[in-house]
C-alpha atoms as a PDB file:
ATOM      1  CA  MET A   1     133.455  36.368  70.792  1.00  0.00           C
ATOM      2  CA  SER A   2     135.793  39.017  72.094  1.00  0.00           C
ATOM      3  CA  GLU A   3     138.502  36.567  73.019  1.00  0.00           C
ATOM      4  CA  SER A   4     138.329  35.049  69.473  1.00  0.00           C
ATOM      5  CA  ILE A   5     139.019  38.401  67.872  1.00  0.00           C
ATOM      6  CA  TRP A   6     141.923  39.152  70.036  1.00  0.00           C
ATOM      7  CA  LEU A   7     143.327  35.629  69.367  1.00  0.00           C
ATOM      8  CA  ALA A   8     142.961  36.277  65.714  1.00  0.00           C
ATOM      9  CA  ILE A   9     144.786  39.565  65.898  1.00  0.00           C
ATOM     10  CA  GLY A  10     147.512  38.038  68.036  1.00  0.00           C
ATOM     11  CA  LEU A  11     148.062  35.452  65.528  1.00  0.00           C
ATOM     12  CA  VAL A  12     148.176  37.907  62.544  1.00  0.00           C
ATOM     13  CA  LEU A  13     150.751  39.878  64.481  1.00  0.00           C
ATOM     14  CA  LEU A  14     152.693  36.784  65.338  1.00  0.00           C
ATOM     15  CA  PHE A  15     152.796  35.559  61.633  1.00  0.00           C
ATOM     16  CA  GLU A  16     153.501  39.035  60.269  1.00  0.00           C
ATOM     17  CA  GLY A  17     156.527  39.533  62.566  1.00  0.00           C
ATOM     18  CA  ILE A  18     158.065  36.184  62.030  1.00  0.00           C
ATOM     19  CA  GLY A  19     159.600  37.372  58.519  1.00  0.00           C
ATOM     20  CA  PRO A  20     161.310  40.617  59.661  1.00  0.00           C
ATOM     21  CA  PHE A  21     162.395  38.850  62.821  1.00  0.00           C
ATOM     22  CA  ILE A  22     163.974  35.837  61.251  1.00  0.00           C
ATOM     23  CA  ALA A  23     165.284  37.229  58.024  1.00  0.00           C
ATOM     24  CA  PRO A  24     165.175  41.034  57.874  1.00  0.00           C
ATOM     25  CA  ASP A  25     167.140  41.413  54.663  1.00  0.00           C
ATOM     26  CA  GLY A  26     165.216  38.930  52.784  1.00  0.00           C
ATOM     27  CA  TRP A  27     161.865  40.489  54.090  1.00  0.00           C
ATOM     28  CA  ARG A  28     163.093  43.942  52.884  1.00  0.00           C
ATOM     29  CA  LYS A  29     163.876  42.630  49.538  1.00  0.00           C
ATOM     30  CA  MET A  30     160.660  41.020  49.174  1.00  0.00           C
ATOM     31  CA  VAL A  31     158.745  44.302  50.281  1.00  0.00           C
ATOM     32  CA  ALA A  32     160.882  46.204  47.688  1.00  0.00           C
ATOM     33  CA  GLN A  33     159.687  43.716  45.106  1.00  0.00           C
ATOM     34  CA  LEU A  34     156.146  43.954  46.001  1.00  0.00           C
ATOM     35  CA  SER A  35     156.337  47.888  45.844  1.00  0.00           C
ATOM     36  CA  ALA A  36     157.603  47.558  42.194  1.00  0.00           C
ATOM     37  CA  GLN A  37     154.469  45.571  41.209  1.00  0.00           C
ATOM     38  CA  PRO A  38     151.679  47.346  39.359  1.00  0.00           C
ATOM     39  CA  ASP A  39     148.531  48.100  41.187  1.00  0.00           C
ATOM     40  CA  THR A  40     146.519  45.375  39.291  1.00  0.00           C
ATOM     41  CA  GLN A  41     148.921  42.688  40.368  1.00  0.00           C
ATOM     42  CA  LEU A  42     148.955  43.942  43.922  1.00  0.00           C
ATOM     43  CA  ARG A  43     144.984  43.853  43.635  1.00  0.00           C
ATOM     44  CA  ARG A  44     144.999  40.370  42.480  1.00  0.00           C
ATOM     45  CA  ILE A  45     147.352  39.334  45.387  1.00  0.00           C
ATOM     46  CA  GLY A  46     145.265  41.125  47.911  1.00  0.00           C
ATOM     47  CA  GLY A  47     141.930  39.727  46.473  1.00  0.00           C
ATOM     48  CA  CYS A  48     143.556  36.121  46.522  1.00  0.00           C
ATOM     49  CA  LEU A  49     144.545  36.701  50.252  1.00  0.00           C
ATOM     50  CA  VAL A  50     140.989  37.811  51.175  1.00  0.00           C
ATOM     51  CA  VAL A  51     139.284  34.862  49.472  1.00  0.00           C
ATOM     52  CA  ALA A  52     141.705  32.532  51.218  1.00  0.00           C
ATOM     53  CA  GLY A  53     140.892  34.180  54.534  1.00  0.00           C
ATOM     54  CA  ILE A  54     137.147  33.935  53.983  1.00  0.00           C
ATOM     55  CA  VAL A  55     137.436  30.310  52.971  1.00  0.00           C
ATOM     56  CA  ILE A  56     139.266  29.485  56.209  1.00  0.00           C
ATOM     57  CA  ILE A  57     136.916  31.469  58.477  1.00  0.00           C
ATOM     58  CA  THR A  58     133.937  29.728  56.740  1.00  0.00           C
ATOM     59  CA  MET A  59     135.498  26.335  57.314  1.00  0.00           C
ATOM     60  CA  MET A  60     136.492  27.084  60.856  1.00  0.00           C
ATOM     61  CA  GLY A  61     133.176  28.612  61.809  1.00  0.00           C
END
């Protein structure tokens, strides 16, 4: 179980780091656009990501 959690954390860090590593300017612009969004829009995006994560975890488990 512990190995799986560390593997998941490592994969998240890997995928989160690809954007700023490959295209830092594009990543910076994307973050600026996201920060300009209203809270309700960000909550919808976050909710969709949570649901997608739960679906993937359920399918893999």
